[in-house]
N, C-alpha and C. Protein backbone atom coordinates (compact mmCIF):
# COMPACT_ATOMS: atom_id res chain seq x y z
N MET A 1 -43.95 2.90 284.54
CA MET A 1 -43.32 1.44 283.34
C MET A 1 -44.66 0.81 284.56
N THR A 2 -45.34 0.93 285.00
CA THR A 2 -46.64 0.02 285.48
C THR A 2 -47.24 0.19 284.55
N LEU A 3 -47.80 1.46 283.67
CA LEU A 3 -48.62 1.40 282.92
C LEU A 3 -48.28 0.94 281.24
N ARG A 4 -47.04 0.54 281.53
CA ARG A 4 -46.53 -0.32 280.47
C ARG A 4 -46.83 -1.72 280.70
N LEU A 5 -47.04 -2.17 281.41
CA LEU A 5 -47.83 -3.45 282.17
C LEU A 5 -48.83 -3.55 281.57
N ALA A 6 -49.68 -2.54 282.02
CA ALA A 6 -50.76 -2.74 281.86
C ALA A 6 -51.45 -3.01 280.65
N ARG A 7 -50.43 -1.73 279.78
CA ARG A 7 -50.86 -2.33 277.89
C ARG A 7 -50.52 -3.35 277.36
N LYS A 8 -49.29 -3.81 278.22
CA LYS A 8 -48.74 -5.26 277.91
C LYS A 8 -50.37 -6.33 277.83
N GLN A 9 -50.88 -6.33 279.06
CA GLN A 9 -51.49 -6.85 279.20
C GLN A 9 -52.95 -6.87 278.43
N ALA A 10 -52.74 -5.39 278.31
CA ALA A 10 -54.29 -5.05 277.39
C ALA A 10 -54.14 -6.20 275.70
N LEU A 11 -52.73 -5.83 275.64
CA LEU A 11 -52.18 -6.47 274.27
C LEU A 11 -52.88 -7.80 274.29
N LYS A 12 -53.30 -8.64 275.64
CA LYS A 12 -53.66 -10.05 275.47
C LYS A 12 -55.45 -10.19 274.72
N SER A 13 -55.99 -9.05 275.15
CA SER A 13 -56.91 -9.49 274.85
C SER A 13 -58.06 -8.77 272.97
N GLN A 14 -59.10 -9.95 273.09
CA GLN A 14 -59.22 -10.05 271.97
C GLN A 14 -60.45 -9.14 271.33
N PHE A 15 -60.78 -8.41 272.86
CA PHE A 15 -61.85 -7.32 272.23
C PHE A 15 -61.71 -5.64 271.52
N ARG A 16 -62.38 -5.48 271.05
CA ARG A 16 -62.23 -4.65 270.29
C ARG A 16 -61.87 -3.37 271.38
N TYR A 17 -61.81 -3.18 272.46
CA TYR A 17 -61.67 -2.24 273.41
C TYR A 17 -60.12 -3.25 274.23
N ARG A 18 -59.26 -2.62 273.90
CA ARG A 18 -57.99 -3.89 274.64
C ARG A 18 -58.16 -3.11 275.87
N VAL A 19 -58.32 -3.64 277.11
CA VAL A 19 -57.87 -2.74 278.85
C VAL A 19 -57.01 -3.72 279.11
N GLY A 20 -56.09 -3.46 280.35
CA GLY A 20 -55.29 -4.32 280.76
C GLY A 20 -54.93 -3.67 282.62
N ALA A 21 -55.38 -4.64 283.63
CA ALA A 21 -54.61 -3.86 284.72
C ALA A 21 -53.87 -4.56 285.20
N VAL A 22 -53.15 -4.34 286.04
CA VAL A 22 -51.84 -4.01 286.79
C VAL A 22 -52.13 -3.82 288.28
N ILE A 23 -52.31 -4.75 289.26
CA ILE A 23 -52.17 -4.16 290.83
C ILE A 23 -50.54 -4.05 291.03
N VAL A 24 -50.18 -3.42 291.84
CA VAL A 24 -49.02 -3.06 292.52
C VAL A 24 -48.76 -2.73 293.89
N SER A 25 -48.13 -2.96 294.93
CA SER A 25 -48.00 -2.38 296.19
C SER A 25 -45.92 -3.27 296.40
N SER A 26 -46.06 -1.80 297.13
CA SER A 26 -44.63 -2.25 297.77
C SER A 26 -43.78 -2.29 296.64
N GLY A 27 -44.16 -1.40 295.15
CA GLY A 27 -42.92 -1.92 293.92
C GLY A 27 -43.11 -3.38 293.32
N ARG A 28 -44.11 -4.33 293.97
CA ARG A 28 -44.15 -5.33 293.52
C ARG A 28 -45.75 -5.62 293.39
N ILE A 29 -45.28 -6.66 291.48
CA ILE A 29 -46.62 -7.05 290.90
C ILE A 29 -47.44 -7.88 292.30
N ILE A 30 -48.76 -7.34 292.20
CA ILE A 30 -49.62 -8.60 293.23
C ILE A 30 -50.23 -8.83 292.18
N SER A 31 -51.18 -8.70 291.14
CA SER A 31 -51.71 -8.78 290.13
C SER A 31 -52.08 -8.46 288.68
N ALA A 32 -52.48 -9.02 287.68
CA ALA A 32 -52.82 -8.72 286.31
C ALA A 32 -53.79 -9.41 285.74
N GLY A 33 -54.37 -8.42 284.40
CA GLY A 33 -55.48 -8.70 284.21
C GLY A 33 -55.71 -8.42 282.64
N PHE A 34 -56.43 -8.56 282.35
CA PHE A 34 -56.69 -8.09 280.52
C PHE A 34 -58.75 -8.40 280.65
N ASN A 35 -59.46 -7.92 280.09
CA ASN A 35 -60.78 -7.82 279.18
C ASN A 35 -60.68 -8.72 278.57
N SER A 36 -61.82 -10.13 278.98
CA SER A 36 -61.96 -11.19 278.43
C SER A 36 -63.72 -11.42 278.26
N ILE A 37 -63.43 -12.66 277.67
CA ILE A 37 -64.40 -13.18 277.46
C ILE A 37 -64.80 -14.67 278.63
N ARG A 38 -65.96 -14.77 279.21
CA ARG A 38 -66.20 -15.91 280.28
C ARG A 38 -67.69 -16.44 280.12
N TYR A 39 -67.90 -17.65 280.34
CA TYR A 39 -69.12 -18.09 280.44
C TYR A 39 -69.90 -18.58 281.39
N SER A 40 -70.91 -17.77 281.35
CA SER A 40 -72.05 -17.98 282.92
C SER A 40 -72.56 -19.64 282.81
N LYS A 41 -73.25 -20.27 283.81
CA LYS A 41 -73.88 -21.39 283.59
C LYS A 41 -75.57 -20.64 283.68
N VAL A 42 -75.77 -19.46 284.09
CA VAL A 42 -77.24 -18.96 284.34
C VAL A 42 -77.26 -18.21 283.06
N PRO A 43 -77.96 -18.66 282.22
CA PRO A 43 -78.62 -18.08 280.78
C PRO A 43 -79.73 -16.84 281.21
N PHE A 44 -79.59 -15.98 280.89
CA PHE A 44 -81.32 -15.35 281.32
C PHE A 44 -82.18 -15.57 279.94
N ARG A 45 -82.03 -16.06 278.96
CA ARG A 45 -82.71 -16.35 277.89
C ARG A 45 -82.68 -17.61 277.05
N VAL A 46 -81.66 -18.20 277.06
CA VAL A 46 -81.47 -19.15 276.61
C VAL A 46 -81.24 -20.43 277.68
N LYS A 47 -81.34 -21.45 277.10
CA LYS A 47 -80.56 -22.78 278.15
C LYS A 47 -79.38 -23.41 278.07
N LYS A 48 -78.34 -22.39 277.21
CA LYS A 48 -77.14 -22.43 277.07
C LYS A 48 -76.15 -21.83 277.71
N PRO A 49 -75.26 -22.03 278.37
CA PRO A 49 -74.16 -20.86 278.59
C PRO A 49 -73.95 -19.96 277.70
N PHE A 50 -73.63 -18.70 278.01
CA PHE A 50 -73.55 -17.92 277.19
C PHE A 50 -72.16 -16.79 277.52
N PRO A 51 -71.94 -15.76 276.82
CA PRO A 51 -70.77 -14.83 277.37
C PRO A 51 -71.12 -14.26 277.76
N GLU A 52 -70.19 -13.80 278.45
CA GLU A 52 -69.99 -12.32 279.72
C GLU A 52 -68.70 -11.91 279.37
N SER A 53 -68.59 -10.12 279.77
CA SER A 53 -67.70 -9.30 279.58
C SER A 53 -66.70 -9.78 280.74
N LEU A 54 -65.14 -10.41 281.27
CA LEU A 54 -64.80 -10.28 282.66
C LEU A 54 -64.06 -8.97 282.37
N HIS A 55 -64.14 -7.75 283.19
CA HIS A 55 -63.03 -6.92 282.84
C HIS A 55 -62.07 -7.03 283.64
N ALA A 56 -60.96 -5.84 283.19
CA ALA A 56 -59.33 -6.10 283.25
C ALA A 56 -59.16 -5.48 284.79
N GLU A 57 -60.10 -4.71 285.63
CA GLU A 57 -60.05 -4.38 287.11
C GLU A 57 -60.55 -5.96 287.73
N GLN A 58 -61.59 -6.46 287.29
CA GLN A 58 -62.24 -7.97 287.67
C GLN A 58 -61.12 -8.83 287.66
N ALA A 59 -60.46 -9.14 286.78
CA ALA A 59 -59.82 -10.08 286.11
C ALA A 59 -58.51 -10.33 287.05
N ALA A 60 -58.07 -9.33 287.58
CA ALA A 60 -56.77 -8.83 288.23
C ALA A 60 -56.83 -9.47 289.47
N ILE A 61 -58.22 -8.15 290.41
CA ILE A 61 -58.71 -8.89 291.70
C ILE A 61 -59.12 -10.26 291.80
N LEU A 62 -59.81 -10.51 290.79
CA LEU A 62 -60.19 -11.77 291.08
C LEU A 62 -59.21 -13.01 291.04
N ARG A 63 -57.53 -12.54 290.20
CA ARG A 63 -56.54 -13.38 290.15
C ARG A 63 -56.03 -13.55 291.72
N ALA A 64 -55.55 -12.16 292.44
CA ALA A 64 -54.77 -12.00 293.49
C ALA A 64 -55.17 -12.41 294.30
N LEU A 65 -57.05 -12.31 294.59
CA LEU A 65 -58.42 -13.16 295.70
C LEU A 65 -58.08 -14.63 295.91
N HIS A 66 -57.74 -15.28 293.88
CA HIS A 66 -57.75 -16.81 294.17
C HIS A 66 -56.53 -17.34 295.03
N GLU A 67 -55.21 -16.41 294.29
CA GLU A 67 -53.94 -16.78 294.91
C GLU A 67 -53.45 -16.50 296.24
N THR A 68 -54.65 -15.67 296.64
CA THR A 68 -54.01 -15.63 298.32
C THR A 68 -55.15 -16.26 299.27
N SER A 69 -56.03 -16.90 298.73
CA SER A 69 -57.17 -18.17 298.95
C SER A 69 -58.42 -17.09 299.53
N GLY A 70 -58.58 -15.72 299.14
CA GLY A 70 -59.36 -15.14 299.46
C GLY A 70 -58.87 -13.38 300.18
N ASP A 71 -57.82 -14.09 300.77
CA ASP A 71 -56.85 -12.47 301.75
C ASP A 71 -57.42 -11.27 301.14
N THR A 72 -57.86 -10.57 301.16
CA THR A 72 -57.89 -8.94 301.28
C THR A 72 -56.77 -8.82 301.26
N ARG A 73 -55.93 -8.78 302.52
CA ARG A 73 -55.23 -7.58 302.68
C ARG A 73 -53.64 -7.63 302.13
N VAL A 74 -53.60 -8.29 301.40
CA VAL A 74 -52.93 -8.07 299.57
C VAL A 74 -53.22 -6.88 298.82
N PHE A 75 -54.28 -6.12 299.14
CA PHE A 75 -54.78 -5.13 298.47
C PHE A 75 -54.35 -4.03 299.57
N ARG A 76 -53.80 -3.97 300.48
CA ARG A 76 -53.80 -3.00 301.39
C ARG A 76 -52.38 -2.18 300.85
N SER A 77 -52.40 -0.25 300.81
CA SER A 77 -51.53 -0.18 300.09
C SER A 77 -51.05 -0.17 298.76
N SER A 78 -52.20 -0.55 297.64
CA SER A 78 -51.81 -1.26 296.66
C SER A 78 -52.15 0.08 295.45
N THR A 79 -51.68 -0.43 294.30
CA THR A 79 -52.24 1.00 293.65
C THR A 79 -52.44 0.04 292.28
N MET A 80 -53.52 0.32 291.57
CA MET A 80 -54.10 -0.30 290.30
C MET A 80 -54.14 1.10 289.17
N PHE A 81 -53.07 -0.04 288.18
CA PHE A 81 -53.15 0.76 286.63
C PHE A 81 -53.66 0.13 285.60
N VAL A 82 -54.62 0.71 284.97
CA VAL A 82 -55.45 0.45 284.06
C VAL A 82 -55.15 1.47 282.35
N ALA A 83 -55.02 0.41 281.57
CA ALA A 83 -54.74 1.21 280.34
C ALA A 83 -55.71 0.57 279.36
N ARG A 84 -56.13 1.02 278.43
CA ARG A 84 -56.52 0.78 277.58
C ARG A 84 -56.12 1.10 275.92
N ILE A 85 -55.97 -0.10 275.08
CA ILE A 85 -55.04 0.26 273.92
C ILE A 85 -56.08 0.90 273.09
N LYS A 86 -56.11 1.73 271.93
CA LYS A 86 -57.15 2.07 270.89
C LYS A 86 -56.72 1.21 269.50
N ARG A 87 -57.47 1.13 268.28
CA ARG A 87 -57.23 0.34 267.43
C ARG A 87 -55.71 0.57 266.53
N ASP A 88 -55.37 1.96 266.88
CA ASP A 88 -54.66 2.53 266.15
C ASP A 88 -53.23 2.49 267.14
N GLY A 89 -53.43 1.97 268.22
CA GLY A 89 -52.19 1.34 268.72
C GLY A 89 -51.68 2.66 270.26
N SER A 90 -52.67 3.70 270.13
CA SER A 90 -52.98 4.37 271.01
C SER A 90 -53.12 4.44 272.43
N PHE A 91 -52.95 4.97 273.68
CA PHE A 91 -53.80 5.11 274.92
C PHE A 91 -55.81 5.82 274.37
N GLY A 92 -56.10 5.09 275.30
CA GLY A 92 -57.25 5.29 275.27
C GLY A 92 -57.44 5.37 277.13
N CYS A 93 -58.73 6.39 276.65
CA CYS A 93 -59.70 6.59 278.76
C CYS A 93 -59.76 5.11 279.30
N ALA A 94 -59.04 4.96 280.26
CA ALA A 94 -59.78 3.72 280.51
C ALA A 94 -60.05 3.83 282.27
N LYS A 95 -60.90 4.66 282.34
CA LYS A 95 -61.27 4.86 283.61
C LYS A 95 -62.49 4.04 283.96
N PRO A 96 -62.39 3.19 285.04
CA PRO A 96 -63.13 2.11 285.64
C PRO A 96 -64.89 2.85 285.25
N CYS A 97 -64.79 1.24 285.18
CA CYS A 97 -66.70 1.60 285.48
C CYS A 97 -67.42 2.04 286.51
N PRO A 98 -68.69 2.20 286.89
CA PRO A 98 -68.67 2.26 288.35
C PRO A 98 -69.02 0.78 288.44
N THR A 99 -69.29 -0.98 288.06
CA THR A 99 -69.15 -1.35 288.72
C THR A 99 -67.95 -1.70 288.91
N CYS A 100 -66.52 -1.73 288.28
CA CYS A 100 -65.42 -1.96 288.46
C CYS A 100 -65.21 -1.00 289.79
N GLU A 101 -65.31 0.24 289.81
CA GLU A 101 -64.85 0.66 290.78
C GLU A 101 -65.43 0.48 291.79
N SER A 102 -67.02 -0.55 292.77
CA SER A 102 -67.18 -0.79 293.37
C SER A 102 -66.78 -1.53 293.96
N PHE A 103 -66.22 -2.50 292.81
CA PHE A 103 -65.31 -3.40 293.25
C PHE A 103 -63.97 -3.59 293.61
N ILE A 104 -63.38 -2.31 292.75
CA ILE A 104 -61.92 -2.03 293.39
C ILE A 104 -62.03 -1.52 294.95
N LYS A 105 -63.02 -0.28 295.53
CA LYS A 105 -62.99 0.04 296.87
C LYS A 105 -63.33 -1.23 297.76
N ALA A 106 -64.22 -2.50 297.11
CA ALA A 106 -64.94 -3.00 298.55
C ALA A 106 -63.63 -4.04 299.28
N VAL A 107 -62.61 -4.24 297.93
CA VAL A 107 -61.19 -4.88 298.00
C VAL A 107 -60.22 -4.26 299.06
N GLY A 108 -60.36 -2.90 298.92
CA GLY A 108 -59.39 -2.28 299.55
C GLY A 108 -58.68 -1.17 298.91
N ILE A 109 -58.14 -1.66 297.84
CA ILE A 109 -57.29 -0.55 296.69
C ILE A 109 -57.31 0.47 296.78
N LYS A 110 -56.82 2.05 297.48
CA LYS A 110 -57.24 3.26 297.10
C LYS A 110 -56.82 4.09 295.83
N LYS A 111 -56.05 3.58 295.44
CA LYS A 111 -55.33 4.31 294.45
C LYS A 111 -55.66 3.57 293.03
N VAL A 112 -56.08 4.52 291.79
CA VAL A 112 -56.11 4.01 290.52
C VAL A 112 -55.68 4.45 289.90
N ILE A 113 -55.04 4.55 288.79
CA ILE A 113 -54.35 5.29 287.84
C ILE A 113 -54.36 4.64 286.52
N HIS A 114 -55.29 5.47 285.88
CA HIS A 114 -55.33 5.08 284.55
C HIS A 114 -55.07 5.69 283.12
N THR A 115 -55.36 5.46 281.94
CA THR A 115 -54.93 6.24 280.65
C THR A 115 -56.17 7.11 280.03
């Protein structure tokens, strides 16, 4: 069921690889997010803001942290569900990248289920 919610989040993405994430604790949805573009104020090669990718896992975690004023206790005993939707609408592999894995571990999420 929660992979379906992650899929709904993925459908909001404008990227070629659409990914959605949902964080659940005790049967309650804590947060959700999808991969999107955000703009950085620290450009590397140009003097204007440039686009960066915000991964679905990061978006879900950042949203939860924002809503709890940075309280990571919300992640205790929580599970993250991550889904990737391919162009044909079927599920694709959505294993979190090493950066997202580190972020997930740092906030205390113990279990990740992905497509």
